[in-house]
Amino acid sequence: MRTANAGSFTSARLTKHGMHATPTWAAWKDMKRRCLKPEAPNYHRYGGRGISVCDSWKDSFQNFLNDMGVRPDGMTLERLNNNGDYNPTNCAWAPRSVQASNTRRNRRITIDGISKTISEWAREVGMNRSAIRHRLEAGWTDRDAVFTKSRRPCR
């Protein structure tokens, strides 16, 4: 027999954090989906290549919230080491522009111990990223590809 208290208990148990359907909760659910559900569209980029979710976060949104805090506006969940798991020491809230720089598709080049994507170097020196990419493909050194001034022929 169901009592009035049973419904209240279930409701309280399911809403203890009060953050269902918030951006923070959505980030937690999406993280789990990418890593744990083979039918998810991006599973092959996450769980399918060995990226997992720490035990503390896997079954507890509250633990995730305690570790990460509320997602700031305009931020996404970022793994600091793109090959590492989702856990408190490898995750941070970051703007999409930072996250876009940390994908496996980006080529990082290192000059004087400073490692940046081709796009980041191009912005820093005021050059088109395609020019740097073409120079690297032609066998130029990283330094020359980034810092050599354009030598356009005179017309």
N, C-alpha and C. Protein backbone atom coordinates (compact mmCIF):
# COMPACT_ATOMS: atom_id res chain seq x y z
N MET A 1 0.84 -1.18 0.00
CA MET A 1 0.00 0.00 0.00
C MET A 1 0.89 1.25 0.00
N ARG A 2 0.59 2.18 -0.88
CA ARG A 2 1.37 3.40 -0.99
C ARG A 2 0.85 4.45 -0.03
N THR A 3 1.78 5.08 0.66
CA THR A 3 1.37 6.13 1.59
C THR A 3 1.78 7.47 1.03
N ALA A 4 1.28 8.52 1.59
CA ALA A 4 1.64 9.88 1.18
C ALA A 4 3.12 10.12 1.40
N ASN A 5 3.65 9.55 2.47
CA ASN A 5 5.08 9.74 2.77
C ASN A 5 5.98 9.09 1.73
N ALA A 6 5.56 7.97 1.15
CA ALA A 6 6.39 7.28 0.17
C ALA A 6 6.65 8.19 -1.04
N GLY A 7 5.63 8.88 -1.52
CA GLY A 7 5.80 9.78 -2.65
C GLY A 7 6.72 10.94 -2.30
N SER A 8 6.58 11.48 -1.10
CA SER A 8 7.45 12.58 -0.67
C SER A 8 8.89 12.12 -0.56
N PHE A 9 9.09 10.91 -0.04
CA PHE A 9 10.44 10.39 0.10
C PHE A 9 11.10 10.24 -1.27
N THR A 10 10.39 9.67 -2.24
CA THR A 10 10.93 9.48 -3.58
C THR A 10 11.24 10.82 -4.21
N SER A 11 10.34 11.77 -4.09
CA SER A 11 10.56 13.09 -4.66
C SER A 11 11.77 13.76 -4.05
N ALA A 12 11.93 13.67 -2.74
CA ALA A 12 13.07 14.28 -2.06
C ALA A 12 14.36 13.60 -2.48
N ARG A 13 14.33 12.26 -2.62
CA ARG A 13 15.53 11.51 -3.00
C ARG A 13 15.99 11.90 -4.40
N LEU A 14 15.06 12.13 -5.31
CA LEU A 14 15.41 12.43 -6.69
C LEU A 14 15.77 13.89 -6.93
N THR A 15 15.47 14.76 -6.01
CA THR A 15 15.73 16.19 -6.24
C THR A 15 16.61 16.79 -5.14
N LYS A 16 17.51 16.01 -4.56
CA LYS A 16 18.29 16.51 -3.44
C LYS A 16 19.21 17.68 -3.81
N HIS A 17 19.64 17.77 -5.04
CA HIS A 17 20.52 18.88 -5.43
C HIS A 17 19.75 20.04 -6.04
N GLY A 18 18.53 19.81 -6.51
CA GLY A 18 17.71 20.88 -7.07
C GLY A 18 18.26 21.45 -8.37
N MET A 19 19.11 20.71 -9.06
CA MET A 19 19.74 21.26 -10.26
C MET A 19 19.44 20.46 -11.53
N HIS A 20 18.41 19.64 -11.46
CA HIS A 20 18.01 18.87 -12.65
C HIS A 20 17.75 19.82 -13.82
N ALA A 21 18.30 19.50 -14.97
CA ALA A 21 18.09 20.25 -16.22
C ALA A 21 18.77 21.63 -16.23
N THR A 22 19.74 21.86 -15.35
CA THR A 22 20.54 23.09 -15.42
C THR A 22 21.72 22.84 -16.36
N PRO A 23 22.42 23.87 -16.79
CA PRO A 23 23.61 23.65 -17.63
C PRO A 23 24.67 22.77 -16.96
N THR A 24 24.81 22.87 -15.65
CA THR A 24 25.79 22.04 -14.93
C THR A 24 25.38 20.58 -14.99
N TRP A 25 24.11 20.31 -14.74
CA TRP A 25 23.59 18.94 -14.78
C TRP A 25 23.71 18.38 -16.20
N ALA A 26 23.41 19.21 -17.21
CA ALA A 26 23.52 18.77 -18.60
C ALA A 26 24.96 18.40 -18.95
N ALA A 27 25.94 19.18 -18.46
CA ALA A 27 27.35 18.87 -18.71
C ALA A 27 27.71 17.52 -18.10
N TRP A 28 27.21 17.25 -16.90
CA TRP A 28 27.47 15.97 -16.22
C TRP A 28 26.85 14.81 -17.01
N LYS A 29 25.60 14.97 -17.41
CA LYS A 29 24.91 13.92 -18.17
C LYS A 29 25.60 13.68 -19.52
N ASP A 30 25.98 14.76 -20.20
CA ASP A 30 26.64 14.62 -21.51
C ASP A 30 28.00 13.94 -21.37
N MET A 31 28.75 14.28 -20.32
CA MET A 31 30.04 13.65 -20.06
C MET A 31 29.85 12.13 -19.91
N LYS A 32 28.88 11.75 -19.11
CA LYS A 32 28.63 10.33 -18.89
C LYS A 32 28.18 9.63 -20.17
N ARG A 33 27.33 10.29 -20.93
CA ARG A 33 26.83 9.71 -22.18
C ARG A 33 27.99 9.44 -23.14
N ARG A 34 28.87 10.42 -23.33
CA ARG A 34 30.00 10.27 -24.25
C ARG A 34 30.92 9.11 -23.86
N CYS A 35 31.08 8.89 -22.57
CA CYS A 35 32.03 7.89 -22.09
C CYS A 35 31.44 6.52 -21.82
N LEU A 36 30.16 6.46 -21.51
CA LEU A 36 29.59 5.21 -21.01
C LEU A 36 28.56 4.56 -21.91
N LYS A 37 28.07 5.25 -22.91
CA LYS A 37 26.98 4.71 -23.74
C LYS A 37 27.45 4.51 -25.18
N PRO A 38 27.74 3.28 -25.57
CA PRO A 38 28.23 3.01 -26.93
C PRO A 38 27.30 3.51 -28.03
N GLU A 39 26.03 3.67 -27.74
CA GLU A 39 25.08 4.17 -28.75
C GLU A 39 25.12 5.69 -28.92
N ALA A 40 25.85 6.38 -28.06
CA ALA A 40 25.96 7.84 -28.16
C ALA A 40 26.74 8.22 -29.41
N PRO A 41 26.34 9.31 -30.09
CA PRO A 41 26.99 9.70 -31.35
C PRO A 41 28.50 9.92 -31.25
N ASN A 42 29.00 10.45 -30.15
CA ASN A 42 30.43 10.73 -30.01
C ASN A 42 31.17 9.71 -29.15
N TYR A 43 30.54 8.59 -28.85
CA TYR A 43 31.17 7.58 -27.99
C TYR A 43 32.55 7.18 -28.52
N HIS A 44 32.68 7.03 -29.84
CA HIS A 44 33.96 6.59 -30.42
C HIS A 44 35.10 7.56 -30.13
N ARG A 45 34.78 8.82 -29.84
CA ARG A 45 35.82 9.82 -29.53
C ARG A 45 36.15 9.87 -28.04
N TYR A 46 35.36 9.21 -27.23
CA TYR A 46 35.55 9.27 -25.78
C TYR A 46 35.65 7.85 -25.22
N GLY A 47 34.55 7.28 -24.79
CA GLY A 47 34.57 5.93 -24.23
C GLY A 47 35.18 4.91 -25.16
N GLY A 48 34.93 5.06 -26.44
CA GLY A 48 35.46 4.13 -27.43
C GLY A 48 36.97 4.15 -27.56
N ARG A 49 37.60 5.24 -27.11
CA ARG A 49 39.07 5.28 -27.13
C ARG A 49 39.65 5.26 -25.73
N GLY A 50 38.82 4.84 -24.76
CA GLY A 50 39.34 4.60 -23.41
C GLY A 50 39.15 5.72 -22.41
N ILE A 51 38.50 6.82 -22.79
CA ILE A 51 38.25 7.91 -21.84
C ILE A 51 37.11 7.48 -20.91
N SER A 52 37.32 7.60 -19.61
CA SER A 52 36.28 7.19 -18.66
C SER A 52 35.96 8.32 -17.69
N VAL A 53 34.98 8.06 -16.84
CA VAL A 53 34.54 9.00 -15.81
C VAL A 53 34.94 8.39 -14.47
N CYS A 54 35.52 9.18 -13.59
CA CYS A 54 35.95 8.66 -12.29
C CYS A 54 34.73 8.12 -11.53
N ASP A 55 34.99 7.15 -10.67
CA ASP A 55 33.91 6.52 -9.90
C ASP A 55 33.12 7.52 -9.08
N SER A 56 33.81 8.52 -8.55
CA SER A 56 33.15 9.52 -7.70
C SER A 56 32.06 10.28 -8.47
N TRP A 57 32.29 10.55 -9.76
CA TRP A 57 31.33 11.31 -10.56
C TRP A 57 30.33 10.43 -11.30
N LYS A 58 30.71 9.20 -11.57
CA LYS A 58 29.90 8.32 -12.41
C LYS A 58 28.47 8.19 -11.89
N ASP A 59 28.31 8.02 -10.61
CA ASP A 59 26.98 7.79 -10.03
C ASP A 59 26.49 8.92 -9.15
N SER A 60 27.20 10.05 -9.13
CA SER A 60 26.80 11.11 -8.22
C SER A 60 26.97 12.49 -8.83
N PHE A 61 25.87 13.09 -9.22
CA PHE A 61 25.92 14.47 -9.67
C PHE A 61 26.40 15.36 -8.53
N GLN A 62 25.99 15.06 -7.31
CA GLN A 62 26.38 15.88 -6.17
C GLN A 62 27.90 15.93 -6.01
N ASN A 63 28.57 14.79 -6.19
CA ASN A 63 30.04 14.78 -6.11
C ASN A 63 30.65 15.64 -7.22
N PHE A 64 30.10 15.52 -8.44
CA PHE A 64 30.56 16.34 -9.56
C PHE A 64 30.39 17.82 -9.23
N LEU A 65 29.22 18.19 -8.72
CA LEU A 65 28.93 19.57 -8.36
C LEU A 65 29.87 20.06 -7.26
N ASN A 66 30.12 19.23 -6.27
CA ASN A 66 31.03 19.62 -5.18
C ASN A 66 32.44 19.88 -5.70
N ASP A 67 32.89 19.07 -6.65
CA ASP A 67 34.24 19.22 -7.19
C ASP A 67 34.37 20.35 -8.20
N MET A 68 33.37 20.49 -9.07
CA MET A 68 33.48 21.44 -10.19
C MET A 68 32.77 22.76 -9.94
N GLY A 69 31.78 22.77 -9.07
CA GLY A 69 30.98 23.97 -8.86
C GLY A 69 29.99 24.15 -10.01
N VAL A 70 29.20 25.20 -9.92
CA VAL A 70 28.20 25.49 -10.94
C VAL A 70 28.92 25.96 -12.21
N ARG A 71 28.46 25.47 -13.36
CA ARG A 71 29.08 25.87 -14.63
C ARG A 71 28.89 27.36 -14.86
N PRO A 72 29.97 28.12 -15.01
CA PRO A 72 29.84 29.55 -15.32
C PRO A 72 29.24 29.74 -16.72
N ASP A 73 28.53 30.83 -16.92
CA ASP A 73 27.95 31.13 -18.23
C ASP A 73 29.01 31.12 -19.31
N GLY A 74 28.69 30.52 -20.42
CA GLY A 74 29.59 30.51 -21.57
C GLY A 74 30.73 29.51 -21.48
N MET A 75 30.77 28.71 -20.44
CA MET A 75 31.87 27.76 -20.26
C MET A 75 31.41 26.34 -20.58
N THR A 76 32.38 25.49 -20.88
CA THR A 76 32.12 24.07 -21.12
C THR A 76 33.06 23.25 -20.26
N LEU A 77 32.75 21.97 -20.11
CA LEU A 77 33.59 21.07 -19.33
C LEU A 77 34.78 20.66 -20.18
N GLU A 78 35.98 20.94 -19.70
CA GLU A 78 37.20 20.73 -20.45
C GLU A 78 38.10 19.75 -19.72
N ARG A 79 38.64 18.77 -20.44
CA ARG A 79 39.69 17.91 -19.88
C ARG A 79 41.02 18.57 -20.18
N LEU A 80 41.81 18.80 -19.18
CA LEU A 80 43.10 19.47 -19.34
C LEU A 80 44.06 18.62 -20.16
N ASN A 81 44.06 17.33 -19.91
CA ASN A 81 44.81 16.37 -20.72
C ASN A 81 43.80 15.69 -21.61
N ASN A 82 43.85 15.97 -22.91
CA ASN A 82 42.85 15.46 -23.85
C ASN A 82 42.79 13.94 -23.89
N ASN A 83 43.83 13.26 -23.44
CA ASN A 83 43.84 11.80 -23.42
C ASN A 83 43.51 11.24 -22.03
N GLY A 84 43.27 12.14 -21.08
CA GLY A 84 42.98 11.71 -19.71
C GLY A 84 41.49 11.55 -19.46
N ASP A 85 41.18 10.96 -18.33
CA ASP A 85 39.79 10.72 -17.94
C ASP A 85 39.14 11.97 -17.37
N TYR A 86 37.83 11.89 -17.21
CA TYR A 86 37.08 12.94 -16.52
C TYR A 86 37.22 12.69 -15.03
N ASN A 87 37.91 13.58 -14.34
CA ASN A 87 38.08 13.50 -12.89
C ASN A 87 38.43 14.89 -12.37
N PRO A 88 38.37 15.10 -11.06
CA PRO A 88 38.58 16.45 -10.51
C PRO A 88 39.92 17.09 -10.84
N THR A 89 40.97 16.30 -11.01
CA THR A 89 42.28 16.89 -11.29
C THR A 89 42.51 17.14 -12.78
N ASN A 90 41.66 16.60 -13.63
CA ASN A 90 41.86 16.75 -15.07
C ASN A 90 40.76 17.59 -15.73
N CYS A 91 39.88 18.19 -14.96
CA CYS A 91 38.77 18.94 -15.55
C CYS A 91 38.69 20.36 -15.02
N ALA A 92 38.19 21.24 -15.87
CA ALA A 92 37.97 22.64 -15.51
C ALA A 92 36.87 23.18 -16.40
N TRP A 93 36.27 24.27 -15.97
CA TRP A 93 35.33 24.98 -16.84
C TRP A 93 36.16 25.90 -17.72
N ALA A 94 35.91 25.85 -19.03
CA ALA A 94 36.71 26.65 -19.95
C ALA A 94 35.82 27.21 -21.06
N PRO A 95 36.20 28.36 -21.63
CA PRO A 95 35.44 28.89 -22.76
C PRO A 95 35.59 27.97 -23.98
N ARG A 96 34.63 28.00 -24.86
CA ARG A 96 34.68 27.15 -26.06
C ARG A 96 35.96 27.38 -26.87
N SER A 97 36.45 28.61 -26.91
CA SER A 97 37.66 28.90 -27.69
C SER A 97 38.85 28.10 -27.16
N VAL A 98 38.96 27.96 -25.85
CA VAL A 98 40.05 27.16 -25.26
C VAL A 98 39.84 25.70 -25.57
N GLN A 99 38.62 25.25 -25.42
CA GLN A 99 38.32 23.84 -25.68
C GLN A 99 38.60 23.49 -27.15
N ALA A 100 38.28 24.40 -28.05
CA ALA A 100 38.52 24.16 -29.48
C ALA A 100 40.00 24.02 -29.77
N SER A 101 40.84 24.66 -28.98
CA SER A 101 42.29 24.57 -29.18
C SER A 101 42.86 23.25 -28.68
N ASN A 102 42.12 22.56 -27.84
CA ASN A 102 42.65 21.35 -27.21
C ASN A 102 42.10 20.06 -27.80
N THR A 103 41.76 20.08 -29.09
CA THR A 103 41.29 18.85 -29.70
C THR A 103 42.45 18.09 -30.32
N ARG A 104 42.24 16.82 -30.59
CA ARG A 104 43.28 16.00 -31.21
C ARG A 104 43.54 16.44 -32.64
N ARG A 105 42.58 17.11 -33.27
CA ARG A 105 42.75 17.56 -34.66
C ARG A 105 43.79 18.66 -34.78
N ASN A 106 43.95 19.46 -33.76
CA ASN A 106 44.88 20.58 -33.82
C ASN A 106 46.32 20.12 -33.77
N ARG A 107 47.13 20.77 -34.55
CA ARG A 107 48.57 20.52 -34.50
C ARG A 107 49.20 21.56 -33.59
N ARG A 108 49.93 21.09 -32.63
CA ARG A 108 50.63 21.97 -31.71
C ARG A 108 52.09 22.01 -32.12
N ILE A 109 52.67 23.20 -32.09
CA ILE A 109 54.09 23.35 -32.37
C ILE A 109 54.73 24.07 -31.20
N THR A 110 55.99 23.74 -30.95
CA THR A 110 56.70 24.28 -29.80
C THR A 110 57.90 25.09 -30.27
N ILE A 111 57.96 26.32 -29.78
CA ILE A 111 59.07 27.22 -30.08
C ILE A 111 59.57 27.78 -28.75
N ASP A 112 60.84 27.60 -28.49
CA ASP A 112 61.46 28.06 -27.23
C ASP A 112 60.70 27.55 -26.01
N GLY A 113 60.26 26.31 -26.06
CA GLY A 113 59.57 25.69 -24.94
C GLY A 113 58.11 26.09 -24.78
N ILE A 114 57.59 26.91 -25.69
CA ILE A 114 56.19 27.34 -25.62
C ILE A 114 55.41 26.59 -26.69
N SER A 115 54.42 25.82 -26.24
CA SER A 115 53.62 25.00 -27.15
C SER A 115 52.25 25.64 -27.36
N LYS A 116 51.90 25.86 -28.63
CA LYS A 116 50.61 26.45 -28.99
C LYS A 116 50.11 25.80 -30.27
N THR A 117 48.82 25.95 -30.53
CA THR A 117 48.28 25.48 -31.80
C THR A 117 48.73 26.43 -32.90
N ILE A 118 48.62 25.97 -34.13
CA ILE A 118 48.96 26.82 -35.27
C ILE A 118 48.10 28.08 -35.25
N SER A 119 46.82 27.94 -34.94
CA SER A 119 45.94 29.12 -34.88
C SER A 119 46.37 30.11 -33.82
N GLU A 120 46.79 29.61 -32.66
CA GLU A 120 47.26 30.51 -31.59
C GLU A 120 48.51 31.26 -32.02
N TRP A 121 49.48 30.54 -32.64
CA TRP A 121 50.68 31.22 -33.12
C TRP A 121 50.31 32.26 -34.18
N ALA A 122 49.41 31.90 -35.10
CA ALA A 122 49.02 32.82 -36.18
C ALA A 122 48.42 34.10 -35.60
N ARG A 123 47.56 33.98 -34.61
CA ARG A 123 46.98 35.18 -33.98
C ARG A 123 48.05 36.02 -33.32
N GLU A 124 48.99 35.35 -32.66
CA GLU A 124 50.04 36.08 -31.94
C GLU A 124 50.93 36.90 -32.87
N VAL A 125 51.26 36.36 -34.03
CA VAL A 125 52.19 37.06 -34.92
C VAL A 125 51.47 37.79 -36.06
N GLY A 126 50.14 37.71 -36.09
CA GLY A 126 49.38 38.41 -37.13
C GLY A 126 49.51 37.78 -38.50
N MET A 127 49.49 36.47 -38.55
CA MET A 127 49.65 35.76 -39.81
C MET A 127 48.46 34.83 -40.03
N ASN A 128 48.20 34.49 -41.27
CA ASN A 128 47.15 33.54 -41.61
C ASN A 128 47.60 32.13 -41.20
N ARG A 129 46.73 31.40 -40.53
CA ARG A 129 47.12 30.06 -40.08
C ARG A 129 47.41 29.12 -41.25
N SER A 130 46.74 29.34 -42.37
CA SER A 130 47.00 28.50 -43.55
C SER A 130 48.42 28.67 -44.05
N ALA A 131 48.94 29.89 -43.96
CA ALA A 131 50.32 30.13 -44.40
C ALA A 131 51.29 29.33 -43.54
N ILE A 132 51.07 29.33 -42.23
CA ILE A 132 51.94 28.56 -41.33
C ILE A 132 51.81 27.07 -41.65
N ARG A 133 50.60 26.60 -41.81
CA ARG A 133 50.37 25.18 -42.09
C ARG A 133 51.08 24.77 -43.40
N HIS A 134 50.94 25.58 -44.45
CA HIS A 134 51.58 25.27 -45.74
C HIS A 134 53.11 25.26 -45.61
N ARG A 135 53.64 26.19 -44.85
CA ARG A 135 55.09 26.23 -44.64
C ARG A 135 55.57 24.96 -43.94
N LEU A 136 54.82 24.54 -42.91
CA LEU A 136 55.21 23.32 -42.19
C LEU A 136 55.14 22.10 -43.11
N GLU A 137 54.09 22.05 -43.94
CA GLU A 137 53.95 20.93 -44.88
C GLU A 137 55.07 20.93 -45.91
N ALA A 138 55.63 22.11 -46.19
CA ALA A 138 56.73 22.22 -47.15
C ALA A 138 58.08 21.93 -46.50
N GLY A 139 58.08 21.62 -45.20
CA GLY A 139 59.31 21.23 -44.53
C GLY A 139 60.01 22.32 -43.74
N TRP A 140 59.38 23.49 -43.59
CA TRP A 140 59.99 24.56 -42.82
C TRP A 140 60.08 24.15 -41.35
N THR A 141 61.03 24.72 -40.63
CA THR A 141 61.09 24.50 -39.18
C THR A 141 59.92 25.24 -38.54
N ASP A 142 59.56 24.85 -37.34
CA ASP A 142 58.46 25.53 -36.62
C ASP A 142 58.74 27.02 -36.50
N ARG A 143 59.95 27.37 -36.08
CA ARG A 143 60.31 28.77 -35.87
C ARG A 143 60.20 29.56 -37.17
N ASP A 144 60.78 29.03 -38.26
CA ASP A 144 60.73 29.74 -39.53
C ASP A 144 59.30 29.87 -40.06
N ALA A 145 58.51 28.83 -39.90
CA ALA A 145 57.13 28.86 -40.38
C ALA A 145 56.32 29.95 -39.69
N VAL A 146 56.60 30.19 -38.43
CA VAL A 146 55.84 31.18 -37.66
C VAL A 146 56.43 32.59 -37.79
N PHE A 147 57.74 32.72 -37.74
CA PHE A 147 58.33 34.05 -37.61
C PHE A 147 58.93 34.66 -38.89
N THR A 148 59.02 33.90 -39.97
CA THR A 148 59.55 34.47 -41.20
C THR A 148 58.49 35.36 -41.83
N LYS A 149 58.89 36.59 -42.12
CA LYS A 149 57.98 37.54 -42.75
C LYS A 149 57.70 37.09 -44.17
N SER A 150 56.51 37.39 -44.65
CA SER A 150 56.11 37.02 -46.00
C SER A 150 57.01 37.70 -47.03
N ARG A 151 57.36 36.96 -48.05
CA ARG A 151 58.20 37.50 -49.12
C ARG A 151 57.40 37.48 -50.42
N ARG A 152 56.46 38.38 -50.52
CA ARG A 152 55.63 38.44 -51.73
C ARG A 152 56.40 39.12 -52.85
N PRO A 153 56.29 38.57 -54.06
CA PRO A 153 56.97 39.21 -55.19
C PRO A 153 56.35 40.57 -55.52
N CYS A 154 57.17 41.51 -55.94
CA CYS A 154 56.68 42.84 -56.35
C CYS A 154 56.03 42.73 -57.72
N ARG A 155 55.01 43.52 -57.92
CA ARG A 155 54.33 43.53 -59.23
C ARG A 155 54.53 44.80 -59.92
